[in-house]
Amino acid sequence: MANLRKTFLNGIETIFKTFEEAVHVGTFNVVTDNGFDDPSTVSDDIRCIFEKFTAKDLDLLSFASSIQPKDIKGLMPSVDLINCEMTTKGHVLFGTDKYTVEGHELDPMDVIYTLLLRKV
């Protein structure tokens, strides 16, 4: 199974390199409660390809009931998260555009996240 996962990871890297012009580079930020009055922010640089949600997504994604007309589907390699854990308490900055993560799902091979991004 580990070799199959590695093959999928290599495939994702190839896709993101091939479609480089479609890749949005940004920062995923999560504010964590450290038990003190001063919460801290943990960040990771991420890559994301934007898509529109389709009717098939409505049948397959666990967060389908939360999708609104202007929401964006983001595809993000799981390896981009080093310091953070994926959470709906996070937000993503792509340049000056800020999005909240309203939903997320990791594929069965733990290779790519499907994100429900809502512009703030």
PDB file of N, CA and C in Angstrom:
ATOM      1  N   MET A   1       0.821  -1.194   0.000  1.00  0.00           N
ATOM      2  CA  MET A   1       0.000   0.000   0.000  1.00  0.00           C
ATOM      3  C   MET A   1       0.868   1.262   0.000  1.00  0.00           C
ATOM      4  N   ALA A   2       2.013   1.195   0.679  1.00  0.00           N
ATOM      5  CA  ALA A   2       2.898   2.363   0.739  1.00  0.00           C
ATOM      6  C   ALA A   2       3.421   2.724  -0.651  1.00  0.00           C
ATOM      7  N   ASN A   3       3.733   1.700  -1.463  1.00  0.00           N
ATOM      8  CA  ASN A   3       4.225   1.970  -2.816  1.00  0.00           C
ATOM      9  C   ASN A   3       3.133   2.591  -3.679  1.00  0.00           C
ATOM     10  N   LEU A   4       1.896   2.151  -3.503  1.00  0.00           N
ATOM     11  CA  LEU A   4       0.787   2.713  -4.258  1.00  0.00           C
ATOM     12  C   LEU A   4       0.579   4.175  -3.872  1.00  0.00           C
ATOM     13  N   ARG A   5       0.659   4.478  -2.572  1.00  0.00           N
ATOM     14  CA  ARG A   5       0.524   5.865  -2.111  1.00  0.00           C
ATOM     15  C   ARG A   5       1.636   6.730  -2.711  1.00  0.00           C
ATOM     16  N   LYS A   6       2.845   6.210  -2.724  1.00  0.00           N
ATOM     17  CA  LYS A   6       3.969   6.961  -3.295  1.00  0.00           C
ATOM     18  C   LYS A   6       3.726   7.231  -4.778  1.00  0.00           C
ATOM     19  N   THR A   7       3.173   6.276  -5.495  1.00  0.00           N
ATOM     20  CA  THR A   7       2.840   6.464  -6.907  1.00  0.00           C
ATOM     21  C   THR A   7       1.822   7.579  -7.074  1.00  0.00           C
ATOM     22  N   PHE A   8       0.786   7.589  -6.217  1.00  0.00           N
ATOM     23  CA  PHE A   8      -0.230   8.642  -6.274  1.00  0.00           C
ATOM     24  C   PHE A   8       0.381  10.007  -5.940  1.00  0.00           C
ATOM     25  N   LEU A   9       1.256  10.061  -4.935  1.00  0.00           N
ATOM     26  CA  LEU A   9       1.919  11.325  -4.585  1.00  0.00           C
ATOM     27  C   LEU A   9       2.749  11.846  -5.756  1.00  0.00           C
ATOM     28  N   ASN A  10       3.478  10.961  -6.407  1.00  0.00           N
ATOM     29  CA  ASN A  10       4.265  11.367  -7.578  1.00  0.00           C
ATOM     30  C   ASN A  10       3.352  11.867  -8.693  1.00  0.00           C
ATOM     31  N   GLY A  11       2.204  11.212  -8.870  1.00  0.00           N
ATOM     32  CA  GLY A  11       1.248  11.639  -9.885  1.00  0.00           C
ATOM     33  C   GLY A  11       0.701  13.024  -9.606  1.00  0.00           C
ATOM     34  N   ILE A  12       0.396  13.312  -8.343  1.00  0.00           N
ATOM     35  CA  ILE A  12      -0.107  14.637  -7.954  1.00  0.00           C
ATOM     36  C   ILE A  12       0.956  15.693  -8.247  1.00  0.00           C
ATOM     37  N   GLU A  13       2.200  15.412  -7.912  1.00  0.00           N
ATOM     38  CA  GLU A  13       3.283  16.363  -8.181  1.00  0.00           C
ATOM     39  C   GLU A  13       3.401  16.630  -9.675  1.00  0.00           C
ATOM     40  N   THR A  14       3.267  15.588 -10.489  1.00  0.00           N
ATOM     41  CA  THR A  14       3.328  15.748 -11.945  1.00  0.00           C
ATOM     42  C   THR A  14       2.184  16.632 -12.438  1.00  0.00           C
ATOM     43  N   ILE A  15       0.987  16.402 -11.924  1.00  0.00           N
ATOM     44  CA  ILE A  15      -0.179  17.201 -12.315  1.00  0.00           C
ATOM     45  C   ILE A  15       0.036  18.665 -11.947  1.00  0.00           C
ATOM     46  N   PHE A  16       0.498  18.918 -10.739  1.00  0.00           N
ATOM     47  CA  PHE A  16       0.687  20.304 -10.295  1.00  0.00           C
ATOM     48  C   PHE A  16       1.809  20.995 -11.067  1.00  0.00           C
ATOM     49  N   LYS A  17       2.819  20.251 -11.511  1.00  0.00           N
ATOM     50  CA  LYS A  17       3.883  20.840 -12.336  1.00  0.00           C
ATOM     51  C   LYS A  17       3.394  21.075 -13.763  1.00  0.00           C
ATOM     52  N   THR A  18       2.626  20.133 -14.292  1.00  0.00           N
ATOM     53  CA  THR A  18       2.130  20.246 -15.665  1.00  0.00           C
ATOM     54  C   THR A  18       1.164  21.419 -15.817  1.00  0.00           C
ATOM     55  N   PHE A  19       0.301  21.588 -14.829  1.00  0.00           N
ATOM     56  CA  PHE A  19      -0.701  22.652 -14.889  1.00  0.00           C
ATOM     57  C   PHE A  19      -0.318  23.816 -13.985  1.00  0.00           C
ATOM     58  N   GLU A  20       0.962  24.136 -13.976  1.00  0.00           N
ATOM     59  CA  GLU A  20       1.520  25.162 -13.104  1.00  0.00           C
ATOM     60  C   GLU A  20       0.771  26.493 -13.190  1.00  0.00           C
ATOM     61  N   GLU A  21       0.322  26.872 -14.392  1.00  0.00           N
ATOM     62  CA  GLU A  21      -0.378  28.149 -14.554  1.00  0.00           C
ATOM     63  C   GLU A  21      -1.739  28.153 -13.857  1.00  0.00           C
ATOM     64  N   ALA A  22      -2.285  26.987 -13.553  1.00  0.00           N
ATOM     65  CA  ALA A  22      -3.584  26.903 -12.871  1.00  0.00           C
ATOM     66  C   ALA A  22      -3.437  26.774 -11.352  1.00  0.00           C
ATOM     67  N   VAL A  23      -2.211  26.666 -10.880  1.00  0.00           N
ATOM     68  CA  VAL A  23      -1.960  26.455  -9.455  1.00  0.00           C
ATOM     69  C   VAL A  23      -1.918  27.791  -8.718  1.00  0.00           C
ATOM     70  N   HIS A  24      -2.700  27.889  -7.683  1.00  0.00           N
ATOM     71  CA  HIS A  24      -2.688  29.058  -6.804  1.00  0.00           C
ATOM     72  C   HIS A  24      -1.803  28.720  -5.606  1.00  0.00           C
ATOM     73  N   VAL A  25      -0.851  29.582  -5.328  1.00  0.00           N
ATOM     74  CA  VAL A  25       0.043  29.388  -4.185  1.00  0.00           C
ATOM     75  C   VAL A  25      -0.413  30.335  -3.087  1.00  0.00           C
ATOM     76  N   GLY A  26      -0.568  29.789  -1.888  1.00  0.00           N
ATOM     77  CA  GLY A  26      -1.056  30.609  -0.791  1.00  0.00           C
ATOM     78  C   GLY A  26      -0.561  30.114   0.548  1.00  0.00           C
ATOM     79  N   THR A  27      -1.215  30.599   1.587  1.00  0.00           N
ATOM     80  CA  THR A  27      -0.857  30.246   2.958  1.00  0.00           C
ATOM     81  C   THR A  27      -2.099  29.776   3.693  1.00  0.00           C
ATOM     82  N   PHE A  28      -2.001  28.611   4.301  1.00  0.00           N
ATOM     83  CA  PHE A  28      -3.072  28.072   5.135  1.00  0.00           C
ATOM     84  C   PHE A  28      -2.740  28.437   6.573  1.00  0.00           C
ATOM     85  N   ASN A  29      -3.653  29.111   7.252  1.00  0.00           N
ATOM     86  CA  ASN A  29      -3.433  29.574   8.620  1.00  0.00           C
ATOM     87  C   ASN A  29      -4.475  28.977   9.549  1.00  0.00           C
ATOM     88  N   VAL A  30      -4.031  28.521  10.709  1.00  0.00           N
ATOM     89  CA  VAL A  30      -4.926  28.006  11.731  1.00  0.00           C
ATOM     90  C   VAL A  30      -4.592  28.705  13.039  1.00  0.00           C
ATOM     91  N   VAL A  31      -5.592  29.307  13.653  1.00  0.00           N
ATOM     92  CA  VAL A  31      -5.412  29.917  14.968  1.00  0.00           C
ATOM     93  C   VAL A  31      -5.674  28.844  16.007  1.00  0.00           C
ATOM     94  N   THR A  32      -4.701  28.611  16.867  1.00  0.00           N
ATOM     95  CA  THR A  32      -4.829  27.563  17.878  1.00  0.00           C
ATOM     96  C   THR A  32      -4.945  28.178  19.261  1.00  0.00           C
ATOM     97  N   ASP A  33      -5.757  27.570  20.067  1.00  0.00           N
ATOM     98  CA  ASP A  33      -5.911  27.996  21.456  1.00  0.00           C
ATOM     99  C   ASP A  33      -4.844  27.288  22.268  1.00  0.00           C
ATOM    100  N   ASN A  34      -3.879  28.042  22.752  1.00  0.00           N
ATOM    101  CA  ASN A  34      -2.777  27.447  23.495  1.00  0.00           C
ATOM    102  C   ASN A  34      -3.030  27.411  25.001  1.00  0.00           C
ATOM    103  N   GLY A  35      -4.271  27.696  25.418  1.00  0.00           N
ATOM    104  CA  GLY A  35      -4.604  27.660  26.834  1.00  0.00           C
ATOM    105  C   GLY A  35      -4.322  28.955  27.550  1.00  0.00           C
ATOM    106  N   PHE A  36      -3.762  29.914  26.858  1.00  0.00           N
ATOM    107  CA  PHE A  36      -3.477  31.220  27.433  1.00  0.00           C
ATOM    108  C   PHE A  36      -4.381  32.250  26.771  1.00  0.00           C
ATOM    109  N   ASP A  37      -4.256  33.492  27.176  1.00  0.00           N
ATOM    110  CA  ASP A  37      -5.055  34.557  26.579  1.00  0.00           C
ATOM    111  C   ASP A  37      -4.593  34.901  25.176  1.00  0.00           C
ATOM    112  N   ASP A  38      -3.438  34.390  24.798  1.00  0.00           N
ATOM    113  CA  ASP A  38      -2.806  34.773  23.536  1.00  0.00           C
ATOM    114  C   ASP A  38      -2.801  33.590  22.562  1.00  0.00           C
ATOM    115  N   PRO A  39      -3.848  33.455  21.728  1.00  0.00           N
ATOM    116  CA  PRO A  39      -3.842  32.342  20.763  1.00  0.00           C
ATOM    117  C   PRO A  39      -2.719  32.511  19.747  1.00  0.00           C
ATOM    118  N   SER A  40      -2.236  31.402  19.225  1.00  0.00           N
ATOM    119  CA  SER A  40      -1.152  31.469  18.255  1.00  0.00           C
ATOM    120  C   SER A  40      -1.651  31.016  16.882  1.00  0.00           C
ATOM    121  N   THR A  41      -0.948  31.448  15.853  1.00  0.00           N
ATOM    122  CA  THR A  41      -1.290  31.075  14.486  1.00  0.00           C
ATOM    123  C   THR A  41      -0.202  30.160  13.941  1.00  0.00           C
ATOM    124  N   VAL A  42      -0.638  29.051  13.361  1.00  0.00           N
ATOM    125  CA  VAL A  42       0.270  28.114  12.709  1.00  0.00           C
ATOM    126  C   VAL A  42      -0.029  28.192  11.216  1.00  0.00           C
ATOM    127  N   SER A  43       1.020  28.204  10.390  1.00  0.00           N
ATOM    128  CA  SER A  43       0.840  28.398   8.947  1.00  0.00           C
ATOM    129  C   SER A  43       1.631  27.382   8.132  1.00  0.00           C
ATOM    130  N   ASP A  44       1.133  27.118   6.941  1.00  0.00           N
ATOM    131  CA  ASP A  44       1.837  26.327   5.942  1.00  0.00           C
ATOM    132  C   ASP A  44       1.627  26.968   4.579  1.00  0.00           C
ATOM    133  N   ASP A  45       2.665  26.934   3.745  1.00  0.00           N
ATOM    134  CA  ASP A  45       2.516  27.340   2.354  1.00  0.00           C
ATOM    135  C   ASP A  45       1.868  26.186   1.610  1.00  0.00           C
ATOM    136  N   ILE A  46       0.852  26.498   0.822  1.00  0.00           N
ATOM    137  CA  ILE A  46       0.131  25.440   0.116  1.00  0.00           C
ATOM    138  C   ILE A  46      -0.020  25.780  -1.365  1.00  0.00           C
ATOM    139  N   ARG A  47      -0.342  24.747  -2.138  1.00  0.00           N
ATOM    140  CA  ARG A  47      -0.696  24.888  -3.543  1.00  0.00           C
ATOM    141  C   ARG A  47      -2.118  24.371  -3.705  1.00  0.00           C
ATOM    142  N   CYS A  48      -2.864  24.997  -4.596  1.00  0.00           N
ATOM    143  CA  CYS A  48      -4.261  24.622  -4.761  1.00  0.00           C
ATOM    144  C   CYS A  48      -4.695  24.869  -6.204  1.00  0.00           C
ATOM    145  N   ILE A  49      -5.440  23.943  -6.751  1.00  0.00           N
ATOM    146  CA  ILE A  49      -6.075  24.129  -8.052  1.00  0.00           C
ATOM    147  C   ILE A  49      -7.558  24.354  -7.791  1.00  0.00           C
ATOM    148  N   PHE A  50      -8.081  25.429  -8.349  1.00  0.00           N
ATOM    149  CA  PHE A  50      -9.499  25.759  -8.171  1.00  0.00           C
ATOM    150  C   PHE A  50     -10.337  25.093  -9.254  1.00  0.00           C
ATOM    151  N   GLU A  51     -11.506  24.620  -8.854  1.00  0.00           N
ATOM    152  CA  GLU A  51     -12.494  24.055  -9.768  1.00  0.00           C
ATOM    153  C   GLU A  51     -13.866  24.508  -9.325  1.00  0.00           C
ATOM    154  N   LYS A  52     -14.849  24.224 -10.145  1.00  0.00           N
ATOM    155  CA  LYS A  52     -16.239  24.444  -9.752  1.00  0.00           C
ATOM    156  C   LYS A  52     -16.804  23.120  -9.267  1.00  0.00           C
ATOM    157  N   PHE A  53     -17.710  23.189  -8.316  1.00  0.00           N
ATOM    158  CA  PHE A  53     -18.381  21.981  -7.867  1.00  0.00           C
ATOM    159  C   PHE A  53     -19.324  21.495  -8.953  1.00  0.00           C
ATOM    160  N   THR A  54     -19.430  20.184  -9.093  1.00  0.00           N
ATOM    161  CA  THR A  54     -20.306  19.577 -10.093  1.00  0.00           C
ATOM    162  C   THR A  54     -21.414  18.791  -9.395  1.00  0.00           C
ATOM    163  N   ALA A  55     -22.370  18.350 -10.166  1.00  0.00           N
ATOM    164  CA  ALA A  55     -23.464  17.534  -9.622  1.00  0.00           C
ATOM    165  C   ALA A  55     -22.917  16.255  -8.992  1.00  0.00           C
ATOM    166  N   LYS A  56     -21.864  15.699  -9.556  1.00  0.00           N
ATOM    167  CA  LYS A  56     -21.238  14.488  -9.004  1.00  0.00           C
ATOM    168  C   LYS A  56     -20.691  14.755  -7.597  1.00  0.00           C
ATOM    169  N   ASP A  57     -20.128  15.952  -7.397  1.00  0.00           N
ATOM    170  CA  ASP A  57     -19.614  16.318  -6.076  1.00  0.00           C
ATOM    171  C   ASP A  57     -20.724  16.288  -5.028  1.00  0.00           C
ATOM    172  N   LEU A  58     -21.916  16.707  -5.425  1.00  0.00           N
ATOM    173  CA  LEU A  58     -23.040  16.749  -4.488  1.00  0.00           C
ATOM    174  C   LEU A  58     -23.427  15.362  -4.011  1.00  0.00           C
ATOM    175  N   ASP A  59     -23.131  14.355  -4.832  1.00  0.00           N
ATOM    176  CA  ASP A  59     -23.425  12.975  -4.456  1.00  0.00           C
ATOM    177  C   ASP A  59     -22.313  12.342  -3.628  1.00  0.00           C
ATOM    178  N   LEU A  60     -21.093  12.843  -3.767  1.00  0.00           N
ATOM    179  CA  LEU A  60     -19.939  12.165  -3.176  1.00  0.00           C
ATOM    180  C   LEU A  60     -19.340  12.824  -1.938  1.00  0.00           C
ATOM    181  N   LEU A  61     -19.392  14.131  -1.847  1.00  0.00           N
ATOM    182  CA  LEU A  61     -18.670  14.821  -0.779  1.00  0.00           C
ATOM    183  C   LEU A  61     -19.496  14.915   0.501  1.00  0.00           C
ATOM    184  N   SER A  62     -18.835  14.691   1.613  1.00  0.00           N
ATOM    185  CA  SER A  62     -19.520  14.717   2.912  1.00  0.00           C
ATOM    186  C   SER A  62     -20.044  16.102   3.267  1.00  0.00           C
ATOM    187  N   PHE A  63     -19.446  17.154   2.727  1.00  0.00           N
ATOM    188  CA  PHE A  63     -19.862  18.520   3.051  1.00  0.00           C
ATOM    189  C   PHE A  63     -20.772  19.121   1.973  1.00  0.00           C
ATOM    190  N   ALA A  64     -21.326  18.280   1.099  1.00  0.00           N
ATOM    191  CA  ALA A  64     -22.120  18.751  -0.045  1.00  0.00           C
ATOM    192  C   ALA A  64     -23.274  19.661   0.363  1.00  0.00           C
ATOM    193  N   SER A  65     -23.897  19.408   1.493  1.00  0.00           N
ATOM    194  CA  SER A  65     -25.044  20.230   1.913  1.00  0.00           C
ATOM    195  C   SER A  65     -24.627  21.649   2.305  1.00  0.00           C
ATOM    196  N   SER A  66     -23.346  21.875   2.498  1.00  0.00           N
ATOM    197  CA  SER A  66     -22.844  23.205   2.881  1.00  0.00           C
ATOM    198  C   SER A  66     -22.451  24.065   1.684  1.00  0.00           C
ATOM    199  N   ILE A  67     -22.405  23.487   0.487  1.00  0.00           N
ATOM    200  CA  ILE A  67     -21.933  24.209  -0.694  1.00  0.00           C
ATOM    201  C   ILE A  67     -22.931  25.286  -1.099  1.00  0.00           C
ATOM    202  N   GLN A  68     -22.403  26.492  -1.303  1.00  0.00           N
ATOM    203  CA  GLN A  68     -23.201  27.622  -1.771  1.00  0.00           C
ATOM    204  C   GLN A  68     -22.746  27.994  -3.185  1.00  0.00           C
ATOM    205  N   PRO A  69     -23.592  28.710  -3.941  1.00  0.00           N
ATOM    206  CA  PRO A  69     -23.298  28.977  -5.361  1.00  0.00           C
ATOM    207  C   PRO A  69     -21.933  29.607  -5.653  1.00  0.00           C
ATOM    208  N   LYS A  70     -21.422  30.474  -4.809  1.00  0.00           N
ATOM    209  CA  LYS A  70     -20.151  31.156  -5.090  1.00  0.00           C
ATOM    210  C   LYS A  70     -18.936  30.447  -4.482  1.00  0.00           C
ATOM    211  N   ASP A  71     -19.150  29.310  -3.835  1.00  0.00           N
ATOM    212  CA  ASP A  71     -18.045  28.580  -3.227  1.00  0.00           C
ATOM    213  C   ASP A  71     -17.121  28.005  -4.291  1.00  0.00           C
ATOM    214  N   ILE A  72     -15.879  27.772  -3.882  1.00  0.00           N
ATOM    215  CA  ILE A  72     -14.860  27.243  -4.778  1.00  0.00           C
ATOM    216  C   ILE A  72     -14.401  25.892  -4.259  1.00  0.00           C
ATOM    217  N   LYS A  73     -14.218  24.986  -5.194  1.00  0.00           N
ATOM    218  CA  LYS A  73     -13.645  23.678  -4.882  1.00  0.00           C
ATOM    219  C   LYS A  73     -12.138  23.799  -5.068  1.00  0.00           C
ATOM    220  N   GLY A  74     -11.390  23.506  -4.027  1.00  0.00           N
ATOM    221  CA  GLY A  74      -9.941  23.548  -4.100  1.00  0.00           C
ATOM    222  C   GLY A  74      -9.361  22.151  -3.968  1.00  0.00           C
ATOM    223  N   LEU A  75      -8.408  21.828  -4.803  1.00  0.00           N
ATOM    224  CA  LEU A  75      -7.688  20.558  -4.727  1.00  0.00           C
ATOM    225  C   LEU A  75      -6.277  20.854  -4.249  1.00  0.00           C
ATOM    226  N   MET A  76      -5.909  20.269  -3.112  1.00  0.00           N
ATOM    227  CA  MET A  76      -4.641  20.591  -2.475  1.00  0.00           C
ATOM    228  C   MET A  76      -3.895  19.315  -2.087  1.00  0.00           C
ATOM    229  N   PRO A  77      -2.619  19.193  -2.458  1.00  0.00           N
ATOM    230  CA  PRO A  77      -1.838  18.022  -2.043  1.00  0.00           C
ATOM    231  C   PRO A  77      -1.711  17.968  -0.518  1.00  0.00           C
ATOM    232  N   SER A  78      -1.944  16.804   0.054  1.00  0.00           N
ATOM    233  CA  SER A  78      -1.868  16.662   1.508  1.00  0.00           C
ATOM    234  C   SER A  78      -0.460  16.897   2.036  1.00  0.00           C
ATOM    235  N   VAL A  79       0.560  16.662   1.210  1.00  0.00           N
ATOM    236  CA  VAL A  79       1.947  16.845   1.655  1.00  0.00           C
ATOM    237  C   VAL A  79       2.291  18.309   1.906  1.00  0.00           C
ATOM    238  N   ASP A  80       1.432  19.229   1.445  1.00  0.00           N
ATOM    239  CA  ASP A  80       1.693  20.652   1.681  1.00  0.00           C
ATOM    240  C   ASP A  80       1.490  21.036   3.141  1.00  0.00           C
ATOM    241  N   LEU A  81       0.735  20.236   3.873  1.00  0.00           N
ATOM    242  CA  LEU A  81       0.524  20.535   5.297  1.00  0.00           C
ATOM    243  C   LEU A  81       1.631  19.888   6.113  1.00  0.00           C
ATOM    244  N   ILE A  82       2.481  20.715   6.666  1.00  0.00           N
ATOM    245  CA  ILE A  82       3.607  20.235   7.467  1.00  0.00           C
ATOM    246  C   ILE A  82       3.386  20.596   8.935  1.00  0.00           C
ATOM    247  N   ASN A  83       3.042  21.852   9.192  1.00  0.00           N
ATOM    248  CA  ASN A  83       2.867  22.347  10.561  1.00  0.00           C
ATOM    249  C   ASN A  83       1.416  22.315  11.029  1.00  0.00           C
ATOM    250  N   CYS A  84       0.480  22.323  10.093  1.00  0.00           N
ATOM    251  CA  CYS A  84      -0.945  22.429  10.409  1.00  0.00           C
ATOM    252  C   CYS A  84      -1.655  21.102  10.198  1.00  0.00           C
ATOM    253  N   GLU A  85      -2.776  20.967  10.885  1.00  0.00           N
ATOM    254  CA  GLU A  85      -3.719  19.911  10.563  1.00  0.00           C
ATOM    255  C   GLU A  85      -4.881  20.569   9.845  1.00  0.00           C
ATOM    256  N   MET A  86      -5.444  19.877   8.855  1.00  0.00           N
ATOM    257  CA  MET A  86      -6.579  20.438   8.129  1.00  0.00           C
ATOM    258  C   MET A  86      -7.756  20.587   9.091  1.00  0.00           C
ATOM    259  N   THR A  87      -8.378  21.750   9.028  1.00  0.00           N
ATOM    260  CA  THR A  87      -9.497  22.044   9.904  1.00  0.00           C
ATOM    261  C   THR A  87     -10.404  23.065   9.249  1.00  0.00           C
ATOM    262  N   THR A  88     -11.670  23.037   9.625  1.00  0.00           N
ATOM    263  CA  THR A  88     -12.592  24.056   9.129  1.00  0.00           C
ATOM    264  C   THR A  88     -12.441  25.351   9.917  1.00  0.00           C
ATOM    265  N   LYS A  89     -11.525  25.375  10.864  1.00  0.00           N
ATOM    266  CA  LYS A  89     -11.256  26.610  11.602  1.00  0.00           C
ATOM    267  C   LYS A  89     -10.139  27.407  10.932  1.00  0.00           C
ATOM    268  N   GLY A  90      -9.666  26.915   9.790  1.00  0.00           N
ATOM    269  CA  GLY A  90      -8.564  27.575   9.113  1.00  0.00           C
ATOM    270  C   GLY A  90      -9.040  28.532   8.037  1.00  0.00           C
ATOM    271  N   HIS A  91      -8.111  29.339   7.594  1.00  0.00           N
ATOM    272  CA  HIS A  91      -8.376  30.202   6.452  1.00  0.00           C
ATOM    273  C   HIS A  91      -7.148  30.185   5.541  1.00  0.00           C
ATOM    274  N   VAL A  92      -7.397  30.515   4.282  1.00  0.00           N
ATOM    275  CA  VAL A  92      -6.352  30.463   3.273  1.00  0.00           C
ATOM    276  C   VAL A  92      -6.225  31.829   2.619  1.00  0.00           C
ATOM    277  N   LEU A  93      -5.004  32.268   2.439  1.00  0.00           N
ATOM    278  CA  LEU A  93      -4.725  33.516   1.729  1.00  0.00           C
ATOM    279  C   LEU A  93      -4.049  33.186   0.411  1.00  0.00           C
ATOM    280  N   PHE A  94      -4.653  33.657  -0.681  1.00  0.00           N
ATOM    281  CA  PHE A  94      -4.053  33.580  -2.002  1.00  0.00           C
ATOM    282  C   PHE A  94      -3.880  35.022  -2.459  1.00  0.00           C
ATOM    283  N   GLY A  95      -2.679  35.552  -2.319  1.00  0.00           N
ATOM    284  CA  GLY A  95      -2.454  36.971  -2.597  1.00  0.00           C
ATOM    285  C   GLY A  95      -3.242  37.799  -1.593  1.00  0.00           C
ATOM    286  N   THR A  96      -4.134  38.646  -2.092  1.00  0.00           N
ATOM    287  CA  THR A  96      -4.957  39.474  -1.204  1.00  0.00           C
ATOM    288  C   THR A  96      -6.335  38.856  -0.964  1.00  0.00           C
ATOM    289  N   ASP A  97      -6.613  37.716  -1.601  1.00  0.00           N
ATOM    290  CA  ASP A  97      -7.911  37.053  -1.431  1.00  0.00           C
ATOM    291  C   ASP A  97      -7.862  36.096  -0.244  1.00  0.00           C
ATOM    292  N   LYS A  98      -8.860  36.232   0.635  1.00  0.00           N
ATOM    293  CA  LYS A  98      -8.934  35.396   1.824  1.00  0.00           C
ATOM    294  C   LYS A  98     -10.164  34.495   1.734  1.00  0.00           C
ATOM    295  N   TYR A  99      -9.962  33.221   2.049  1.00  0.00           N
ATOM    296  CA  TYR A  99     -11.028  32.223   2.023  1.00  0.00           C
ATOM    297  C   TYR A  99     -11.067  31.490   3.351  1.00  0.00           C
ATOM    298  N   THR A 100     -12.266  31.132   3.781  1.00  0.00           N
ATOM    299  CA  THR A 100     -12.393  30.238   4.926  1.00  0.00           C
ATOM    300  C   THR A 100     -12.562  28.820   4.396  1.00  0.00           C
ATOM    301  N   VAL A 101     -12.084  27.864   5.156  1.00  0.00           N
ATOM    302  CA  VAL A 101     -12.267  26.456   4.814  1.00  0.00           C
ATOM    303  C   VAL A 101     -13.556  26.014   5.490  1.00  0.00           C
ATOM    304  N   GLU A 102     -14.598  25.833   4.683  1.00  0.00           N
ATOM    305  CA  GLU A 102     -15.918  25.478   5.207  1.00  0.00           C
ATOM    306  C   GLU A 102     -16.143  23.972   5.245  1.00  0.00           C
ATOM    307  N   GLY A 103     -15.313  23.239   4.540  1.00  0.00           N
ATOM    308  CA  GLY A 103     -15.402  21.784   4.514  1.00  0.00           C
ATOM    309  C   GLY A 103     -14.152  21.220   3.875  1.00  0.00           C
ATOM    310  N   HIS A 104     -13.847  19.984   4.200  1.00  0.00           N
ATOM    311  CA  HIS A 104     -12.682  19.324   3.601  1.00  0.00           C
ATOM    312  C   HIS A 104     -12.860  17.821   3.650  1.00  0.00           C
ATOM    313  N   GLU A 105     -12.231  17.177   2.698  1.00  0.00           N
ATOM    314  CA  GLU A 105     -12.271  15.725   2.636  1.00  0.00           C
ATOM    315  C   GLU A 105     -10.955  15.241   2.047  1.00  0.00           C
ATOM    316  N   LEU A 106     -10.387  14.217   2.646  1.00  0.00           N
ATOM    317  CA  LEU A 106      -9.137  13.637   2.178  1.00  0.00           C
ATOM    318  C   LEU A 106      -9.451  12.356   1.415  1.00  0.00           C
ATOM    319  N   ASP A 107      -8.818  12.176   0.262  1.00  0.00           N
ATOM    320  CA  ASP A 107      -9.090  10.978  -0.540  1.00  0.00           C
ATOM    321  C   ASP A 107      -8.625   9.728   0.199  1.00  0.00           C
ATOM    322  N   PRO A 108      -9.085   8.553  -0.189  1.00  0.00           N
ATOM    323  CA  PRO A 108      -8.734   7.312   0.522  1.00  0.00           C
ATOM    324  C   PRO A 108      -7.241   7.012   0.588  1.00  0.00           C
ATOM    325  N   MET A 109      -6.443   7.543  -0.344  1.00  0.00           N
ATOM    326  CA  MET A 109      -4.999   7.300  -0.313  1.00  0.00           C
ATOM    327  C   MET A 109      -4.253   8.371   0.488  1.00  0.00           C
ATOM    328  N   ASP A 110      -4.979   9.302   1.093  1.00  0.00           N
ATOM    329  CA  ASP A 110      -4.375  10.385   1.879  1.00  0.00           C
ATOM    330  C   ASP A 110      -3.404  11.229   1.051  1.00  0.00           C
ATOM    331  N   VAL A 111      -3.772  11.512  -0.193  1.00  0.00           N
ATOM    332  CA  VAL A 111      -2.885  12.214  -1.107  1.00  0.00           C
ATOM    333  C   VAL A 111      -3.365  13.624  -1.396  1.00  0.00           C
ATOM    334  N   ILE A 112      -4.679  13.815  -1.559  1.00  0.00           N
ATOM    335  CA  ILE A 112      -5.181  15.127  -1.953  1.00  0.00           C
ATOM    336  C   ILE A 112      -6.447  15.476  -1.172  1.00  0.00           C
ATOM    337  N   TYR A 113      -6.483  16.728  -0.733  1.00  0.00           N
ATOM    338  CA  TYR A 113      -7.675  17.250  -0.067  1.00  0.00           C
ATOM    339  C   TYR A 113      -8.587  17.904  -1.095  1.00  0.00           C
ATOM    340  N   THR A 114      -9.879  17.693  -0.925  1.00  0.00           N
ATOM    341  CA  THR A 114     -10.880  18.476  -1.624  1.00  0.00           C
ATOM    342  C   THR A 114     -11.402  19.466  -0.598  1.00  0.00           C
ATOM    343  N   LEU A 115     -11.282  20.756  -0.910  1.00  0.00           N
ATOM    344  CA  LEU A 115     -11.646  21.809   0.027  1.00  0.00           C
ATOM    345  C   LEU A 115     -12.877  22.559  -0.448  1.00  0.00           C
ATOM    346  N   LEU A 116     -13.704  22.955   0.489  1.00  0.00           N
ATOM    347  CA  LEU A 116     -14.803  23.878   0.231  1.00  0.00           C
ATOM    348  C   LEU A 116     -14.314  25.231   0.713  1.00  0.00           C
ATOM    349  N   LEU A 117     -14.000  26.125  -0.233  1.00  0.00           N
ATOM    350  CA  LEU A 117     -13.458  27.438   0.089  1.00  0.00           C
ATOM    351  C   LEU A 117     -14.532  28.493  -0.135  1.00  0.00           C
ATOM    352  N   ARG A 118     -14.682  29.363   0.845  1.00  0.00           N
ATOM    353  CA  ARG A 118     -15.646  30.460   0.749  1.00  0.00           C
ATOM    354  C   ARG A 118     -14.901  31.773   0.923  1.00  0.00           C
ATOM    355  N   LYS A 119     -15.031  32.645  -0.073  1.00  0.00           N
ATOM    356  CA  LYS A 119     -14.334  33.939  -0.030  1.00  0.00           C
ATOM    357  C   LYS A 119     -14.898  34.806   1.080  1.00  0.00           C
ATOM    358  N   VAL A 120     -13.992  35.441   1.812  1.00  0.00           N
ATOM    359  CA  VAL A 120     -14.367  36.310   2.933  1.00  0.00           C
ATOM    360  C   VAL A 120     -14.578  37.714   2.400  1.00  0.00           C
TER     361      VAL A 120
END
